[in-house]
N, C-alpha and C. Protein backbone atom coordinates (compact mmCIF):
# COMPACT_ATOMS: atom_id res chain seq x y z
N UNK A 1 -21.47 46.04 15.54
CA UNK A 1 -20.39 46.18 14.55
C UNK A 1 -20.66 47.38 13.66
N UNK A 2 -19.66 48.24 13.49
CA UNK A 2 -19.82 49.43 12.68
C UNK A 2 -19.89 49.08 11.20
N UNK A 3 -20.73 49.80 10.43
CA UNK A 3 -20.78 49.54 8.99
C UNK A 3 -19.45 49.93 8.34
N UNK A 4 -19.13 49.33 7.19
CA UNK A 4 -17.87 49.67 6.52
C UNK A 4 -17.85 51.12 6.08
N UNK A 5 -16.70 51.74 6.19
CA UNK A 5 -16.53 53.11 5.72
C UNK A 5 -16.38 53.11 4.20
N UNK A 6 -16.39 54.30 3.62
CA UNK A 6 -16.16 54.42 2.18
C UNK A 6 -14.80 53.85 1.80
N UNK A 7 -13.78 54.11 2.62
CA UNK A 7 -12.45 53.56 2.32
C UNK A 7 -12.43 52.06 2.47
N UNK A 8 -13.16 51.51 3.44
CA UNK A 8 -13.26 50.04 3.57
C UNK A 8 -13.86 49.45 2.31
N UNK A 9 -14.91 50.07 1.82
CA UNK A 9 -15.58 49.56 0.62
C UNK A 9 -14.67 49.66 -0.60
N UNK A 10 -13.93 50.76 -0.70
CA UNK A 10 -13.00 50.90 -1.82
C UNK A 10 -11.90 49.85 -1.74
N UNK A 11 -11.42 49.57 -0.53
CA UNK A 11 -10.35 48.59 -0.35
C UNK A 11 -10.79 47.18 -0.72
N UNK A 12 -12.09 46.92 -0.70
CA UNK A 12 -12.59 45.60 -1.06
C UNK A 12 -12.66 45.38 -2.57
N UNK A 13 -12.45 46.44 -3.34
CA UNK A 13 -12.45 46.36 -4.80
C UNK A 13 -11.02 46.35 -5.30
N UNK A 14 -10.85 46.34 -6.64
CA UNK A 14 -9.53 46.49 -7.24
C UNK A 14 -9.61 47.56 -8.32
N UNK A 15 -8.46 47.92 -8.88
CA UNK A 15 -8.45 49.02 -9.85
C UNK A 15 -9.23 48.68 -11.11
N UNK A 16 -9.23 47.40 -11.50
CA UNK A 16 -9.98 47.02 -12.70
C UNK A 16 -11.47 47.31 -12.52
N UNK A 17 -12.00 46.90 -11.38
CA UNK A 17 -13.42 47.09 -11.11
C UNK A 17 -13.77 48.56 -10.98
N UNK A 18 -12.93 49.33 -10.29
CA UNK A 18 -13.19 50.76 -10.13
C UNK A 18 -13.11 51.46 -11.49
N UNK A 19 -12.15 51.07 -12.31
CA UNK A 19 -12.05 51.64 -13.66
C UNK A 19 -13.30 51.34 -14.47
N UNK A 20 -13.81 50.11 -14.37
CA UNK A 20 -15.04 49.75 -15.09
C UNK A 20 -16.22 50.59 -14.62
N UNK A 21 -16.31 50.80 -13.29
CA UNK A 21 -17.40 51.61 -12.76
C UNK A 21 -17.32 53.04 -13.29
N UNK A 22 -16.13 53.60 -13.32
CA UNK A 22 -15.96 54.94 -13.88
C UNK A 22 -16.38 54.98 -15.34
N UNK A 23 -16.02 53.93 -16.10
CA UNK A 23 -16.41 53.86 -17.51
C UNK A 23 -17.93 53.91 -17.65
N UNK A 24 -18.63 53.07 -16.87
CA UNK A 24 -20.09 53.03 -16.95
C UNK A 24 -20.70 54.39 -16.65
N UNK A 25 -20.06 55.15 -15.75
CA UNK A 25 -20.59 56.45 -15.34
C UNK A 25 -20.02 57.61 -16.16
N UNK A 26 -19.20 57.29 -17.17
CA UNK A 26 -18.57 58.31 -18.02
C UNK A 26 -17.77 59.32 -17.21
N UNK A 27 -17.01 58.79 -16.24
CA UNK A 27 -16.15 59.64 -15.41
C UNK A 27 -14.69 59.32 -15.69
N UNK A 28 -13.82 60.34 -15.70
CA UNK A 28 -12.39 60.07 -15.82
C UNK A 28 -11.84 59.58 -14.49
N UNK A 29 -10.63 59.02 -14.52
CA UNK A 29 -10.00 58.61 -13.27
C UNK A 29 -8.94 57.55 -13.43
N UNK A 30 -9.10 56.65 -14.40
CA UNK A 30 -8.11 55.60 -14.61
C UNK A 30 -6.89 56.17 -15.33
N UNK A 31 -5.71 55.76 -14.89
CA UNK A 31 -4.46 56.21 -15.50
C UNK A 31 -3.74 55.04 -16.14
N UNK A 32 -2.72 55.37 -16.91
CA UNK A 32 -1.89 54.35 -17.55
C UNK A 32 -0.43 54.63 -17.22
N UNK A 33 0.32 53.58 -16.87
CA UNK A 33 1.76 53.70 -16.70
C UNK A 33 2.22 53.95 -15.29
N UNK A 34 1.30 54.05 -14.32
CA UNK A 34 1.67 54.28 -12.93
C UNK A 34 1.55 52.94 -12.21
N UNK A 35 2.69 52.31 -11.95
CA UNK A 35 2.73 50.94 -11.43
C UNK A 35 3.51 50.90 -10.12
N UNK A 36 3.34 49.81 -9.34
CA UNK A 36 4.15 49.68 -8.12
C UNK A 36 5.63 49.62 -8.45
N UNK A 37 6.44 50.33 -7.68
CA UNK A 37 7.88 50.36 -7.92
C UNK A 37 8.64 49.35 -7.08
N UNK A 38 7.95 48.67 -6.20
CA UNK A 38 8.42 47.42 -5.60
C UNK A 38 7.18 46.58 -5.38
N UNK A 39 7.31 45.39 -4.86
CA UNK A 39 6.16 44.49 -4.74
C UNK A 39 5.29 44.91 -3.56
N UNK A 40 4.75 46.12 -3.64
CA UNK A 40 4.03 46.69 -2.50
C UNK A 40 2.55 46.32 -2.55
N UNK A 41 1.87 46.41 -1.42
CA UNK A 41 0.45 46.06 -1.36
C UNK A 41 -0.42 47.13 -1.97
N UNK A 42 -1.66 46.76 -2.22
CA UNK A 42 -2.67 47.72 -2.67
C UNK A 42 -2.81 48.83 -1.63
N UNK A 43 -3.04 50.04 -2.09
CA UNK A 43 -3.30 51.15 -1.18
C UNK A 43 -4.59 51.84 -1.58
N UNK A 44 -5.32 52.32 -0.59
CA UNK A 44 -6.50 53.16 -0.82
C UNK A 44 -6.42 54.32 0.19
N UNK A 45 -6.90 55.48 -0.21
CA UNK A 45 -6.86 56.63 0.69
C UNK A 45 -7.39 57.87 0.02
N UNK A 46 -7.16 59.01 0.68
CA UNK A 46 -7.58 60.31 0.18
C UNK A 46 -6.35 61.07 -0.31
N UNK A 47 -6.53 61.80 -1.39
CA UNK A 47 -5.41 62.47 -2.04
C UNK A 47 -4.94 63.71 -1.29
N UNK A 48 -3.64 63.79 -1.08
CA UNK A 48 -2.96 65.04 -0.74
C UNK A 48 -2.12 65.40 -1.95
N UNK A 49 -2.53 66.42 -2.67
CA UNK A 49 -1.92 66.71 -3.97
C UNK A 49 -0.68 67.59 -3.84
N UNK A 50 0.29 67.32 -4.72
CA UNK A 50 1.54 68.07 -4.76
C UNK A 50 1.87 68.34 -6.23
N UNK A 51 2.17 69.59 -6.55
CA UNK A 51 2.58 69.95 -7.91
C UNK A 51 4.07 70.29 -7.93
N UNK A 52 4.82 69.59 -8.77
CA UNK A 52 6.25 69.84 -8.94
C UNK A 52 6.51 70.51 -10.28
N UNK A 53 7.72 71.06 -10.43
CA UNK A 53 8.14 71.64 -11.69
C UNK A 53 9.65 71.85 -11.68
N UNK A 54 10.18 72.25 -12.80
CA UNK A 54 11.62 72.45 -12.92
C UNK A 54 12.07 73.68 -12.14
N UNK A 55 13.21 73.57 -11.49
CA UNK A 55 13.79 74.72 -10.81
C UNK A 55 14.40 75.65 -11.84
N UNK A 56 14.11 76.94 -11.68
CA UNK A 56 14.55 77.90 -12.70
C UNK A 56 15.53 78.95 -12.19
N UNK A 57 15.89 78.88 -10.88
CA UNK A 57 16.88 79.82 -10.37
C UNK A 57 17.78 79.10 -9.38
N UNK A 58 18.78 79.80 -8.87
CA UNK A 58 19.78 79.18 -8.01
C UNK A 58 19.48 79.33 -6.53
N UNK A 59 18.40 80.01 -6.18
CA UNK A 59 18.10 80.26 -4.77
C UNK A 59 17.77 78.96 -4.04
N UNK A 60 18.26 78.80 -2.79
CA UNK A 60 17.92 77.59 -2.03
C UNK A 60 16.44 77.56 -1.67
N UNK A 61 15.86 76.38 -1.66
CA UNK A 61 14.44 76.22 -1.32
C UNK A 61 14.27 75.04 -0.37
N UNK A 62 13.11 74.98 0.29
CA UNK A 62 12.78 73.79 1.07
C UNK A 62 12.72 72.59 0.12
N UNK A 63 13.15 71.44 0.61
CA UNK A 63 13.11 70.25 -0.25
C UNK A 63 11.68 69.94 -0.61
N UNK A 64 11.46 69.58 -1.88
CA UNK A 64 10.12 69.31 -2.36
C UNK A 64 9.41 68.25 -1.49
N UNK A 65 8.12 68.44 -1.32
CA UNK A 65 7.19 67.54 -0.64
C UNK A 65 7.31 67.58 0.89
N UNK A 66 8.45 68.02 1.42
CA UNK A 66 8.60 68.02 2.88
C UNK A 66 7.55 68.89 3.58
N UNK A 67 7.17 70.07 3.05
CA UNK A 67 6.14 70.85 3.75
C UNK A 67 4.80 70.13 3.81
N UNK A 68 4.48 69.37 2.77
CA UNK A 68 3.21 68.64 2.73
C UNK A 68 3.20 67.54 3.79
N UNK A 69 4.28 66.77 3.84
CA UNK A 69 4.38 65.70 4.84
C UNK A 69 4.29 66.28 6.25
N UNK A 70 4.95 67.39 6.48
CA UNK A 70 4.97 67.99 7.81
C UNK A 70 3.58 68.40 8.28
N UNK A 71 2.68 68.73 7.34
CA UNK A 71 1.36 69.24 7.71
C UNK A 71 0.31 68.14 7.85
N UNK A 72 0.62 66.91 7.53
CA UNK A 72 -0.38 65.83 7.56
C UNK A 72 -0.78 65.53 9.00
N UNK A 73 -2.09 65.42 9.22
CA UNK A 73 -2.61 65.19 10.57
C UNK A 73 -3.55 63.99 10.66
N UNK A 74 -3.82 63.30 9.57
CA UNK A 74 -4.73 62.15 9.59
C UNK A 74 -4.05 60.93 8.99
N UNK A 75 -4.65 59.77 9.19
CA UNK A 75 -4.02 58.52 8.74
C UNK A 75 -4.63 57.97 7.46
N UNK A 76 -5.32 58.81 6.70
CA UNK A 76 -5.97 58.34 5.48
C UNK A 76 -5.33 58.90 4.20
N UNK A 77 -4.15 59.50 4.31
CA UNK A 77 -3.56 60.24 3.20
C UNK A 77 -2.75 59.37 2.26
N UNK A 78 -2.87 59.67 0.96
CA UNK A 78 -1.95 59.20 -0.08
C UNK A 78 -1.40 60.43 -0.78
N UNK A 79 -0.08 60.51 -0.91
CA UNK A 79 0.54 61.64 -1.61
C UNK A 79 0.39 61.45 -3.11
N UNK A 80 -0.21 62.41 -3.77
CA UNK A 80 -0.42 62.38 -5.22
C UNK A 80 0.50 63.44 -5.81
N UNK A 81 1.60 63.00 -6.41
CA UNK A 81 2.70 63.90 -6.79
C UNK A 81 2.73 64.04 -8.32
N UNK A 82 2.41 65.22 -8.81
CA UNK A 82 2.34 65.49 -10.25
C UNK A 82 3.53 66.34 -10.68
N UNK A 83 3.84 66.27 -11.97
CA UNK A 83 4.85 67.17 -12.52
C UNK A 83 6.27 66.68 -12.46
N UNK A 84 6.48 65.37 -12.27
CA UNK A 84 7.83 64.83 -12.29
C UNK A 84 8.51 65.05 -13.63
N UNK A 85 9.84 65.25 -13.61
CA UNK A 85 10.59 65.49 -14.84
C UNK A 85 11.26 64.21 -15.31
N UNK A 86 11.42 64.10 -16.61
CA UNK A 86 11.99 62.90 -17.20
C UNK A 86 13.40 62.66 -16.67
N UNK A 87 13.64 61.46 -16.17
CA UNK A 87 14.96 61.04 -15.75
C UNK A 87 15.38 61.48 -14.36
N UNK A 88 14.54 62.29 -13.67
CA UNK A 88 14.92 62.88 -12.39
C UNK A 88 13.98 62.38 -11.29
N UNK A 89 14.54 62.04 -10.15
CA UNK A 89 13.75 61.55 -9.04
C UNK A 89 12.92 62.66 -8.40
N UNK A 90 11.77 62.27 -7.86
CA UNK A 90 11.02 63.19 -6.99
C UNK A 90 10.54 62.48 -5.73
N UNK A 91 11.20 61.38 -5.38
CA UNK A 91 10.90 60.65 -4.15
C UNK A 91 12.14 59.87 -3.75
N UNK A 92 12.29 59.66 -2.42
CA UNK A 92 13.43 58.89 -1.93
C UNK A 92 13.18 58.34 -0.55
N UNK A 93 14.18 57.65 0.02
CA UNK A 93 13.95 56.93 1.25
C UNK A 93 13.81 57.83 2.48
N UNK A 94 14.43 59.00 2.50
CA UNK A 94 14.25 59.89 3.64
C UNK A 94 12.80 60.39 3.69
N UNK A 95 12.27 60.78 2.53
CA UNK A 95 10.86 61.16 2.48
C UNK A 95 9.97 60.00 2.88
N UNK A 96 10.32 58.79 2.45
CA UNK A 96 9.50 57.61 2.80
C UNK A 96 9.46 57.41 4.31
N UNK A 97 10.59 57.58 4.96
CA UNK A 97 10.62 57.44 6.42
C UNK A 97 9.79 58.53 7.10
N UNK A 98 9.89 59.76 6.61
CA UNK A 98 9.10 60.84 7.18
C UNK A 98 7.61 60.60 6.98
N UNK A 99 7.23 60.14 5.79
CA UNK A 99 5.82 59.86 5.52
C UNK A 99 5.30 58.72 6.38
N UNK A 100 6.13 57.69 6.58
CA UNK A 100 5.73 56.58 7.44
C UNK A 100 5.47 57.05 8.86
N UNK A 101 6.32 57.93 9.35
CA UNK A 101 6.13 58.47 10.71
C UNK A 101 4.82 59.23 10.84
N UNK A 102 4.33 59.79 9.73
CA UNK A 102 3.07 60.53 9.72
C UNK A 102 1.88 59.64 9.36
N UNK A 103 2.12 58.33 9.23
CA UNK A 103 1.07 57.36 8.89
C UNK A 103 0.47 57.60 7.51
N UNK A 104 1.26 58.15 6.59
CA UNK A 104 0.83 58.26 5.19
C UNK A 104 0.75 56.86 4.61
N UNK A 105 -0.27 56.61 3.80
CA UNK A 105 -0.51 55.25 3.28
C UNK A 105 0.35 54.90 2.08
N UNK A 106 0.89 55.88 1.39
CA UNK A 106 1.73 55.61 0.23
C UNK A 106 1.82 56.83 -0.65
N UNK A 107 2.64 56.73 -1.70
CA UNK A 107 2.82 57.80 -2.67
C UNK A 107 2.55 57.28 -4.07
N UNK A 108 1.84 58.07 -4.86
CA UNK A 108 1.71 57.80 -6.29
C UNK A 108 2.33 58.99 -7.01
N UNK A 109 3.23 58.70 -7.95
CA UNK A 109 4.09 59.72 -8.54
C UNK A 109 3.95 59.69 -10.05
N UNK A 110 3.61 60.83 -10.64
CA UNK A 110 3.68 60.95 -12.10
C UNK A 110 5.12 61.34 -12.42
N UNK A 111 6.00 60.39 -12.20
CA UNK A 111 7.43 60.62 -12.31
C UNK A 111 8.19 59.43 -11.75
N UNK A 112 9.41 59.69 -11.26
CA UNK A 112 10.34 58.64 -10.89
C UNK A 112 10.73 58.73 -9.42
N UNK A 113 11.20 57.60 -8.88
CA UNK A 113 11.71 57.54 -7.51
C UNK A 113 13.15 57.04 -7.53
N UNK A 114 13.91 57.45 -6.52
CA UNK A 114 15.23 56.88 -6.27
C UNK A 114 15.16 56.12 -4.94
N UNK A 115 16.26 55.48 -4.55
CA UNK A 115 16.34 54.80 -3.25
C UNK A 115 15.16 53.87 -3.02
N UNK A 116 14.72 53.18 -4.06
CA UNK A 116 13.48 52.41 -3.91
C UNK A 116 13.64 51.29 -2.89
N UNK A 117 14.87 50.78 -2.72
CA UNK A 117 15.08 49.75 -1.70
C UNK A 117 14.82 50.30 -0.30
N UNK A 118 15.09 51.59 -0.11
CA UNK A 118 14.81 52.20 1.18
C UNK A 118 13.33 52.24 1.49
N UNK A 119 12.51 52.59 0.50
CA UNK A 119 11.06 52.56 0.70
C UNK A 119 10.59 51.13 0.95
N UNK A 120 11.13 50.20 0.17
CA UNK A 120 10.73 48.80 0.33
C UNK A 120 11.11 48.26 1.71
N UNK A 121 12.27 48.64 2.21
CA UNK A 121 12.76 48.09 3.48
C UNK A 121 11.88 48.48 4.66
N UNK A 122 11.13 49.57 4.55
CA UNK A 122 10.23 49.96 5.64
C UNK A 122 8.76 49.71 5.27
N UNK A 123 8.54 49.07 4.12
CA UNK A 123 7.19 48.72 3.72
C UNK A 123 6.35 49.89 3.26
N UNK A 124 7.01 50.94 2.74
CA UNK A 124 6.28 52.13 2.30
C UNK A 124 5.93 51.99 0.81
N UNK A 125 4.63 51.95 0.46
CA UNK A 125 4.24 51.75 -0.94
C UNK A 125 4.54 52.97 -1.81
N UNK A 126 5.14 52.71 -2.96
CA UNK A 126 5.44 53.76 -3.94
C UNK A 126 5.00 53.28 -5.32
N UNK A 127 4.18 54.06 -5.98
CA UNK A 127 3.74 53.79 -7.34
C UNK A 127 4.23 54.94 -8.23
N UNK A 128 4.73 54.61 -9.41
CA UNK A 128 5.23 55.66 -10.28
C UNK A 128 5.55 55.13 -11.66
N UNK A 129 6.32 55.91 -12.42
CA UNK A 129 6.66 55.52 -13.79
C UNK A 129 7.96 54.74 -13.88
N UNK A 130 8.77 54.79 -12.83
CA UNK A 130 10.03 54.07 -12.88
C UNK A 130 10.98 54.56 -11.81
N UNK A 131 12.23 54.10 -11.89
CA UNK A 131 13.24 54.46 -10.90
C UNK A 131 14.45 55.08 -11.59
N UNK A 132 15.18 55.84 -10.81
CA UNK A 132 16.39 56.51 -11.28
C UNK A 132 17.28 56.76 -10.07
N UNK A 133 18.54 57.11 -10.30
CA UNK A 133 19.41 57.52 -9.19
C UNK A 133 19.63 59.02 -9.17
N UNK A 134 19.09 59.76 -10.13
CA UNK A 134 19.40 61.18 -10.28
C UNK A 134 18.54 62.00 -9.31
N UNK A 135 19.20 62.78 -8.47
CA UNK A 135 18.55 63.55 -7.41
C UNK A 135 17.72 64.71 -7.96
N UNK A 136 16.65 65.04 -7.21
CA UNK A 136 15.83 66.21 -7.53
C UNK A 136 16.49 67.51 -7.08
N UNK A 137 17.46 67.42 -6.18
CA UNK A 137 18.03 68.63 -5.60
C UNK A 137 18.62 69.54 -6.68
N UNK A 138 18.22 70.81 -6.64
CA UNK A 138 18.63 71.83 -7.62
C UNK A 138 18.11 71.58 -9.03
N UNK A 139 17.17 70.63 -9.14
CA UNK A 139 16.57 70.36 -10.45
C UNK A 139 15.05 70.50 -10.43
N UNK A 140 14.42 70.09 -9.32
CA UNK A 140 12.97 70.07 -9.22
C UNK A 140 12.55 70.80 -7.96
N UNK A 141 11.45 71.57 -8.05
CA UNK A 141 10.92 72.27 -6.88
C UNK A 141 9.43 71.99 -6.75
N UNK A 142 8.92 72.22 -5.57
CA UNK A 142 7.48 72.14 -5.33
C UNK A 142 6.85 73.48 -5.68
N UNK A 143 5.86 73.43 -6.56
CA UNK A 143 5.17 74.64 -6.98
C UNK A 143 3.90 74.90 -6.20
N UNK A 144 3.32 73.86 -5.64
CA UNK A 144 2.08 74.05 -4.91
C UNK A 144 1.62 72.74 -4.27
N UNK A 145 0.56 72.84 -3.46
CA UNK A 145 -0.02 71.65 -2.83
C UNK A 145 -1.45 71.94 -2.44
N UNK A 146 -2.23 70.87 -2.28
CA UNK A 146 -3.62 71.01 -1.87
C UNK A 146 -4.53 71.58 -2.92
N UNK A 147 -4.05 71.71 -4.15
CA UNK A 147 -4.83 72.26 -5.26
C UNK A 147 -4.98 71.19 -6.35
N UNK A 148 -5.91 71.38 -7.28
CA UNK A 148 -6.06 70.41 -8.37
C UNK A 148 -4.76 70.27 -9.16
N UNK A 149 -4.43 69.02 -9.52
CA UNK A 149 -3.26 68.73 -10.34
C UNK A 149 -3.70 67.85 -11.50
N UNK A 150 -2.93 67.90 -12.57
CA UNK A 150 -3.14 66.97 -13.68
C UNK A 150 -2.11 65.86 -13.54
N UNK A 151 -2.59 64.65 -13.29
CA UNK A 151 -1.75 63.50 -12.99
C UNK A 151 -2.02 62.44 -14.05
N UNK A 152 -1.01 62.17 -14.88
CA UNK A 152 -1.16 61.17 -15.97
C UNK A 152 -2.42 61.43 -16.78
N UNK A 153 -2.71 62.70 -17.03
CA UNK A 153 -3.84 63.08 -17.85
C UNK A 153 -5.16 63.21 -17.13
N UNK A 154 -5.18 62.93 -15.81
CA UNK A 154 -6.41 62.99 -15.02
C UNK A 154 -6.32 64.15 -14.04
N UNK A 155 -7.38 64.95 -13.96
CA UNK A 155 -7.43 66.01 -12.95
C UNK A 155 -7.77 65.38 -11.60
N UNK A 156 -6.89 65.61 -10.62
CA UNK A 156 -7.08 65.07 -9.27
C UNK A 156 -7.16 66.24 -8.30
N UNK A 157 -8.20 66.24 -7.49
CA UNK A 157 -8.40 67.28 -6.49
C UNK A 157 -7.98 66.79 -5.12
N UNK A 158 -7.60 67.72 -4.26
CA UNK A 158 -7.37 67.39 -2.86
C UNK A 158 -8.58 66.63 -2.31
N UNK A 159 -8.33 65.55 -1.60
CA UNK A 159 -9.35 64.72 -0.95
C UNK A 159 -10.10 63.79 -1.88
N UNK A 160 -9.78 63.77 -3.18
CA UNK A 160 -10.32 62.70 -4.03
C UNK A 160 -9.84 61.35 -3.50
N UNK A 161 -10.51 60.31 -3.94
CA UNK A 161 -10.18 58.95 -3.50
C UNK A 161 -9.17 58.32 -4.45
N UNK A 162 -8.27 57.52 -3.88
CA UNK A 162 -7.18 56.91 -4.64
C UNK A 162 -7.17 55.40 -4.36
N UNK A 163 -7.01 54.61 -5.41
CA UNK A 163 -6.75 53.18 -5.25
C UNK A 163 -5.62 52.82 -6.22
N UNK A 164 -4.64 52.10 -5.72
CA UNK A 164 -3.50 51.69 -6.55
C UNK A 164 -3.14 50.25 -6.22
N UNK A 165 -2.91 49.44 -7.26
CA UNK A 165 -2.50 48.06 -7.07
C UNK A 165 -1.61 47.65 -8.23
N UNK A 166 -1.40 46.35 -8.42
CA UNK A 166 -0.45 45.89 -9.44
C UNK A 166 -0.89 46.23 -10.86
N UNK A 167 -2.16 46.53 -11.07
CA UNK A 167 -2.63 46.90 -12.40
C UNK A 167 -2.51 48.39 -12.67
N UNK A 168 -2.32 49.19 -11.64
CA UNK A 168 -2.16 50.62 -11.87
C UNK A 168 -2.81 51.47 -10.80
N UNK A 169 -3.14 52.70 -11.17
CA UNK A 169 -3.63 53.71 -10.23
C UNK A 169 -4.88 54.36 -10.79
N UNK A 170 -5.90 54.49 -9.93
CA UNK A 170 -7.18 55.06 -10.33
C UNK A 170 -7.59 56.10 -9.29
N UNK A 171 -8.17 57.20 -9.76
CA UNK A 171 -8.68 58.26 -8.90
C UNK A 171 -10.20 58.34 -9.04
N UNK A 172 -10.88 58.58 -7.92
CA UNK A 172 -12.34 58.74 -7.94
C UNK A 172 -12.67 60.11 -7.37
N UNK A 173 -13.35 60.96 -8.14
CA UNK A 173 -13.74 62.27 -7.60
C UNK A 173 -14.57 62.10 -6.33
N UNK A 174 -14.25 62.87 -5.31
CA UNK A 174 -14.91 62.70 -4.01
C UNK A 174 -16.43 62.81 -4.13
N UNK A 175 -16.92 63.69 -5.00
CA UNK A 175 -18.36 63.91 -5.10
C UNK A 175 -19.08 62.73 -5.73
N UNK A 176 -18.34 61.79 -6.34
CA UNK A 176 -18.95 60.64 -7.00
C UNK A 176 -18.62 59.31 -6.31
N UNK A 177 -17.98 59.34 -5.16
CA UNK A 177 -17.47 58.10 -4.58
C UNK A 177 -18.58 57.10 -4.27
N UNK A 178 -19.70 57.55 -3.75
CA UNK A 178 -20.74 56.57 -3.39
C UNK A 178 -21.34 55.92 -4.62
N UNK A 179 -21.57 56.68 -5.68
CA UNK A 179 -22.09 56.10 -6.92
C UNK A 179 -21.10 55.10 -7.50
N UNK A 180 -19.81 55.44 -7.48
CA UNK A 180 -18.79 54.54 -8.01
C UNK A 180 -18.70 53.27 -7.18
N UNK A 181 -18.77 53.39 -5.86
CA UNK A 181 -18.72 52.20 -5.01
C UNK A 181 -19.94 51.31 -5.21
N UNK A 182 -21.12 51.92 -5.26
CA UNK A 182 -22.33 51.12 -5.46
C UNK A 182 -22.24 50.32 -6.75
N UNK A 183 -21.83 50.99 -7.83
CA UNK A 183 -21.73 50.31 -9.12
C UNK A 183 -20.57 49.32 -9.11
N UNK A 184 -19.44 49.70 -8.52
CA UNK A 184 -18.30 48.79 -8.46
C UNK A 184 -18.63 47.49 -7.74
N UNK A 185 -19.40 47.58 -6.68
CA UNK A 185 -19.78 46.38 -5.94
C UNK A 185 -20.68 45.49 -6.77
N UNK A 186 -21.58 46.09 -7.55
CA UNK A 186 -22.42 45.30 -8.45
C UNK A 186 -21.59 44.65 -9.55
N UNK A 187 -20.63 45.41 -10.08
CA UNK A 187 -19.74 44.84 -11.11
C UNK A 187 -18.96 43.66 -10.54
N UNK A 188 -18.43 43.81 -9.34
CA UNK A 188 -17.65 42.72 -8.74
C UNK A 188 -18.50 41.48 -8.57
N UNK A 189 -19.75 41.65 -8.09
CA UNK A 189 -20.62 40.49 -7.92
C UNK A 189 -20.93 39.84 -9.27
N UNK A 190 -21.23 40.66 -10.26
CA UNK A 190 -21.55 40.14 -11.58
C UNK A 190 -20.36 39.40 -12.19
N UNK A 191 -19.17 39.98 -12.09
CA UNK A 191 -18.00 39.34 -12.68
C UNK A 191 -17.63 38.06 -11.94
N UNK A 192 -17.80 38.04 -10.61
CA UNK A 192 -17.57 36.79 -9.88
C UNK A 192 -18.51 35.71 -10.38
N UNK A 193 -19.76 36.08 -10.64
CA UNK A 193 -20.72 35.11 -11.17
C UNK A 193 -20.34 34.64 -12.56
N UNK A 194 -19.78 35.53 -13.38
CA UNK A 194 -19.36 35.14 -14.72
C UNK A 194 -18.20 34.16 -14.66
N UNK A 195 -17.26 34.39 -13.77
CA UNK A 195 -16.15 33.44 -13.59
C UNK A 195 -16.68 32.07 -13.20
N UNK A 196 -17.60 32.06 -12.24
CA UNK A 196 -18.15 30.78 -11.79
C UNK A 196 -18.90 30.08 -12.91
N UNK A 197 -19.59 30.86 -13.76
CA UNK A 197 -20.33 30.27 -14.87
C UNK A 197 -19.37 29.59 -15.86
N UNK A 198 -18.26 30.27 -16.17
CA UNK A 198 -17.28 29.69 -17.09
C UNK A 198 -16.67 28.42 -16.48
N UNK A 199 -16.36 28.46 -15.20
CA UNK A 199 -15.79 27.28 -14.54
C UNK A 199 -16.77 26.11 -14.53
N UNK A 200 -18.07 26.44 -14.52
CA UNK A 200 -19.09 25.40 -14.51
C UNK A 200 -19.38 24.85 -15.89
N UNK A 201 -18.74 25.43 -16.93
CA UNK A 201 -18.88 24.90 -18.27
C UNK A 201 -19.73 25.71 -19.21
N UNK A 202 -20.26 26.84 -18.78
CA UNK A 202 -21.06 27.67 -19.67
C UNK A 202 -20.15 28.30 -20.72
N UNK A 203 -20.66 28.50 -21.91
CA UNK A 203 -19.89 29.05 -23.02
C UNK A 203 -19.36 30.43 -22.67
N UNK A 204 -18.03 30.61 -22.82
CA UNK A 204 -17.44 31.92 -22.53
C UNK A 204 -17.96 32.97 -23.51
N UNK A 205 -18.29 32.56 -24.73
CA UNK A 205 -18.84 33.49 -25.71
C UNK A 205 -20.16 34.07 -25.21
N UNK A 206 -20.97 33.22 -24.59
CA UNK A 206 -22.24 33.67 -24.04
C UNK A 206 -22.04 34.49 -22.77
N UNK A 207 -21.15 34.00 -21.91
CA UNK A 207 -20.93 34.66 -20.63
C UNK A 207 -20.39 36.07 -20.81
N UNK A 208 -19.52 36.28 -21.81
CA UNK A 208 -18.88 37.58 -21.99
C UNK A 208 -19.57 38.46 -23.04
N UNK A 209 -20.77 38.07 -23.46
CA UNK A 209 -21.52 38.88 -24.41
C UNK A 209 -21.82 40.25 -23.79
N UNK A 210 -21.86 41.27 -24.64
CA UNK A 210 -22.09 42.63 -24.15
C UNK A 210 -23.34 42.74 -23.28
N UNK A 211 -24.38 41.95 -23.59
CA UNK A 211 -25.62 42.06 -22.82
C UNK A 211 -25.41 41.66 -21.37
N UNK A 212 -24.43 40.79 -21.12
CA UNK A 212 -24.15 40.40 -19.73
C UNK A 212 -23.54 41.56 -18.95
N UNK A 213 -22.66 42.31 -19.61
CA UNK A 213 -22.06 43.46 -18.95
C UNK A 213 -23.09 44.58 -18.78
N UNK A 214 -23.94 44.79 -19.77
CA UNK A 214 -24.94 45.84 -19.66
C UNK A 214 -25.90 45.57 -18.52
N UNK A 215 -26.08 44.29 -18.17
CA UNK A 215 -26.98 43.95 -17.06
C UNK A 215 -26.49 44.53 -15.74
N UNK A 216 -25.22 44.87 -15.66
CA UNK A 216 -24.66 45.45 -14.44
C UNK A 216 -25.35 46.75 -14.09
N UNK A 217 -25.89 47.44 -15.09
CA UNK A 217 -26.58 48.71 -14.83
C UNK A 217 -27.79 48.52 -13.93
N UNK A 218 -28.36 47.31 -13.93
CA UNK A 218 -29.54 47.04 -13.13
C UNK A 218 -29.18 46.99 -11.66
N UNK A 219 -29.89 47.73 -10.83
CA UNK A 219 -29.63 47.70 -9.40
C UNK A 219 -29.97 46.34 -8.79
N UNK A 220 -30.70 45.55 -9.53
CA UNK A 220 -31.04 44.22 -9.02
C UNK A 220 -29.98 43.19 -9.37
N UNK A 221 -28.94 43.62 -10.11
CA UNK A 221 -27.88 42.67 -10.51
C UNK A 221 -27.24 42.06 -9.28
N UNK A 222 -27.06 40.77 -9.33
CA UNK A 222 -26.49 40.03 -8.19
C UNK A 222 -25.03 39.72 -8.44
């Protein structure tokens, strides 16, 4: 049996645990306000970054994000879309169908989506700030891709790790993924033990004391 991959290990955690691990390591990555836009499953994958911005001229352009989707060649991608404009969509059901055909795992958007029922109907996960019916056409353009973007206040690089669930969206810098996973797994074990202790009747005041959380730093923590 093959050992679990880094993505397998990330998928076994949740955003709360990964956020806690980043906190312990003094790393940025947790965001606020990026939630599932339908009742979609948790997603984990590697970032394909896209930078959007306002259209400033009348010249026709390729539709935003389509060049990125067209170039995808692996099945571990999550589209990380930065630069959405207030009130204007930067995702829709045609893009969702194209991304599904390319085996993209989902989209996280620092902005809004339209046609959300279309994404839901094919099971394509979309996380973002909300929904709208207002089209991006002639309003929003793609400025770049595959480069660092600022997403909900967090710098995200191409190939960083992404986890998104009902609590939100978290990014893990690729160079720190193993340290974050090692610590996250210890946090998960420790917190599972704390839940069991409370259920067994131990004082929650004692169980949740800061010293219990600090014990997570120990590599021997169970």
